[in-house]
Amino acid sequence: MKYKKVIAEIVEIETGTTCSVGHKVGEKFVFDENGLIDKNACVVMLKSIMLPVKALLKGQELPGHTKGEEIYWGCHHPGAETIYKGIGRVIFRLTPVTK
């Protein structure tokens, strides 16, 4: 089944409540077949979650996930030895929407 939209919600940030570019826990990003709707997002986040988002929008199944279950996907920021100063991982819940 193809989905009309996918909502990506930040549910956890490994090192606190905001990531290096200021995204916060609870922030939502809505995607449709044309991409991100009405919001700016970090390019690292987009690169990390676009593959599963596009797969869901096209009705494809994700390896290791049962259809209908919640999908969690991570955005991996570099560790402490880089310019990001150990920001850690940002975890997204991907929710497909049929309407």
C-alpha atoms as a PDB file:
ATOM      1  CA  MET A   1       0.000   0.000   0.000  1.00  0.00           C
ATOM      2  CA  LYS A   2       1.308   3.423  -0.931  1.00  0.00           C
ATOM      3  CA  TYR A   3       1.068   6.091   1.726  1.00  0.00           C
ATOM      4  CA  LYS A   4       0.153   9.753   1.111  1.00  0.00           C
ATOM      5  CA  LYS A   5       2.487  11.086   3.796  1.00  0.00           C
ATOM      6  CA  VAL A   6       5.056   9.997   6.340  1.00  0.00           C
ATOM      7  CA  ILE A   7       5.480  11.842   9.634  1.00  0.00           C
ATOM      8  CA  ALA A   8       8.946  11.699  11.182  1.00  0.00           C
ATOM      9  CA  GLU A   9       8.868  12.694  14.849  1.00  0.00           C
ATOM     10  CA  ILE A  10      11.979  13.107  16.983  1.00  0.00           C
ATOM     11  CA  VAL A  11      11.405  10.853  19.994  1.00  0.00           C
ATOM     12  CA  GLU A  12      14.871  10.847  21.536  1.00  0.00           C
ATOM     13  CA  ILE A  13      18.143  12.717  21.339  1.00  0.00           C
ATOM     14  CA  GLU A  14      20.944  10.742  22.925  1.00  0.00           C
ATOM     15  CA  THR A  15      22.637  13.712  24.556  1.00  0.00           C
ATOM     16  CA  GLY A  16      19.682  15.813  25.688  1.00  0.00           C
ATOM     17  CA  THR A  17      16.685  17.605  24.276  1.00  0.00           C
ATOM     18  CA  THR A  18      18.171  19.355  21.218  1.00  0.00           C
ATOM     19  CA  CYS A  19      20.561  18.313  18.465  1.00  0.00           C
ATOM     20  CA  SER A  20      23.490  20.303  17.096  1.00  0.00           C
ATOM     21  CA  VAL A  21      21.299  22.352  14.734  1.00  0.00           C
ATOM     22  CA  GLY A  22      18.538  22.970  17.254  1.00  0.00           C
ATOM     23  CA  HIS A  23      15.957  20.307  16.409  1.00  0.00           C
ATOM     24  CA  LYS A  24      14.053  19.232  19.538  1.00  0.00           C
ATOM     25  CA  VAL A  25      12.382  16.120  20.933  1.00  0.00           C
ATOM     26  CA  GLY A  26       8.732  16.168  19.820  1.00  0.00           C
ATOM     27  CA  GLU A  27       9.448  18.088  16.603  1.00  0.00           C
ATOM     28  CA  LYS A  28       7.655  16.617  13.582  1.00  0.00           C
ATOM     29  CA  PHE A  29       8.553  16.630   9.901  1.00  0.00           C
ATOM     30  CA  VAL A  30       5.957  15.729   7.271  1.00  0.00           C
ATOM     31  CA  PHE A  31       6.991  14.218   3.943  1.00  0.00           C
ATOM     32  CA  ASP A  32       4.966  13.531   0.813  1.00  0.00           C
ATOM     33  CA  GLU A  33       5.961  12.254  -2.634  1.00  0.00           C
ATOM     34  CA  ASN A  34       7.624  15.615  -3.367  1.00  0.00           C
ATOM     35  CA  GLY A  35       9.744  15.630  -0.212  1.00  0.00           C
ATOM     36  CA  LEU A  36       9.664  17.610   3.032  1.00  0.00           C
ATOM     37  CA  ILE A  37       6.570  19.781   3.500  1.00  0.00           C
ATOM     38  CA  ASP A  38       6.721  23.265   5.000  1.00  0.00           C
ATOM     39  CA  LYS A  39       9.771  23.007   7.262  1.00  0.00           C
ATOM     40  CA  ASN A  40      13.540  23.324   7.252  1.00  0.00           C
ATOM     41  CA  ALA A  41      15.642  20.371   8.296  1.00  0.00           C
ATOM     42  CA  CYS A  42      19.270  19.483   8.763  1.00  0.00           C
ATOM     43  CA  VAL A  43      20.877  17.876   5.715  1.00  0.00           C
ATOM     44  CA  VAL A  44      22.309  15.084   7.918  1.00  0.00           C
ATOM     45  CA  MET A  45      18.791  14.229   9.107  1.00  0.00           C
ATOM     46  CA  LEU A  46      17.405  14.283   5.576  1.00  0.00           C
ATOM     47  CA  LYS A  47      20.176  12.006   4.324  1.00  0.00           C
ATOM     48  CA  SER A  48      19.572   9.591   7.193  1.00  0.00           C
ATOM     49  CA  ILE A  49      15.794   9.164   6.945  1.00  0.00           C
ATOM     50  CA  MET A  50      14.948   9.752   3.273  1.00  0.00           C
ATOM     51  CA  LEU A  51      15.556   6.123   2.257  1.00  0.00           C
ATOM     52  CA  PRO A  52      12.913   4.647   4.606  1.00  0.00           C
ATOM     53  CA  VAL A  53      10.557   7.606   4.043  1.00  0.00           C
ATOM     54  CA  LYS A  54      10.677   7.179   0.255  1.00  0.00           C
ATOM     55  CA  ALA A  55      10.238   3.409   0.574  1.00  0.00           C
ATOM     56  CA  LEU A  56       7.099   3.883   2.687  1.00  0.00           C
ATOM     57  CA  LEU A  57       5.683   6.476   0.294  1.00  0.00           C
ATOM     58  CA  LYS A  58       6.116   3.991  -2.568  1.00  0.00           C
ATOM     59  CA  GLY A  59       4.476   1.163  -0.613  1.00  0.00           C
ATOM     60  CA  GLN A  60       7.674  -0.830  -0.186  1.00  0.00           C
ATOM     61  CA  GLU A  61       8.445  -2.821   2.941  1.00  0.00           C
ATOM     62  CA  LEU A  62      11.502  -2.122   5.045  1.00  0.00           C
ATOM     63  CA  PRO A  63      13.776  -5.074   5.827  1.00  0.00           C
ATOM     64  CA  GLY A  64      13.328  -6.250   9.413  1.00  0.00           C
ATOM     65  CA  HIS A  65      10.035  -4.400   9.920  1.00  0.00           C
ATOM     66  CA  THR A  66       6.574  -5.930   9.948  1.00  0.00           C
ATOM     67  CA  LYS A  67       3.920  -3.978   8.084  1.00  0.00           C
ATOM     68  CA  GLY A  68       1.869  -1.884  10.487  1.00  0.00           C
ATOM     69  CA  GLU A  69       4.425  -1.767  13.301  1.00  0.00           C
ATOM     70  CA  GLU A  70       6.029   1.456  14.484  1.00  0.00           C
ATOM     71  CA  ILE A  71       9.284   2.192  12.706  1.00  0.00           C
ATOM     72  CA  TYR A  72      12.189   3.850  14.478  1.00  0.00           C
ATOM     73  CA  TRP A  73      15.121   5.208  12.521  1.00  0.00           C
ATOM     74  CA  GLY A  74      18.281   6.930  13.672  1.00  0.00           C
ATOM     75  CA  CYS A  75      20.222   9.923  12.464  1.00  0.00           C
ATOM     76  CA  HIS A  76      23.831   9.339  13.443  1.00  0.00           C
ATOM     77  CA  HIS A  77      25.786  12.439  14.256  1.00  0.00           C
ATOM     78  CA  PRO A  78      29.564  12.080  14.464  1.00  0.00           C
ATOM     79  CA  GLY A  79      31.245  11.498  17.827  1.00  0.00           C
ATOM     80  CA  ALA A  80      33.179  13.747  20.224  1.00  0.00           C
ATOM     81  CA  GLU A  81      36.313  13.884  18.104  1.00  0.00           C
ATOM     82  CA  THR A  82      34.537  15.925  15.423  1.00  0.00           C
ATOM     83  CA  ILE A  83      33.130  19.429  15.129  1.00  0.00           C
ATOM     84  CA  TYR A  84      29.777  18.157  16.429  1.00  0.00           C
ATOM     85  CA  LYS A  85      31.274  17.667  19.931  1.00  0.00           C
ATOM     86  CA  GLY A  86      29.668  14.274  20.592  1.00  0.00           C
ATOM     87  CA  ILE A  87      26.075  15.216  19.802  1.00  0.00           C
ATOM     88  CA  GLY A  88      25.146  11.532  19.480  1.00  0.00           C
ATOM     89  CA  ARG A  89      22.123   9.969  17.870  1.00  0.00           C
ATOM     90  CA  VAL A  90      18.707  11.407  17.077  1.00  0.00           C
ATOM     91  CA  ILE A  91      15.895   8.810  16.977  1.00  0.00           C
ATOM     92  CA  PHE A  92      12.817   9.303  14.774  1.00  0.00           C
ATOM     93  CA  ARG A  93       9.478   7.484  14.816  1.00  0.00           C
ATOM     94  CA  LEU A  94       8.226   7.158  11.235  1.00  0.00           C
ATOM     95  CA  THR A  95       4.442   7.055  10.927  1.00  0.00           C
ATOM     96  CA  PRO A  96       2.903   6.378   7.505  1.00  0.00           C
ATOM     97  CA  VAL A  97      -0.382   8.225   6.823  1.00  0.00           C
ATOM     98  CA  THR A  98      -2.998   6.986   4.349  1.00  0.00           C
ATOM     99  CA  LYS A  99      -5.152  10.158   4.210  1.00  0.00           C
END
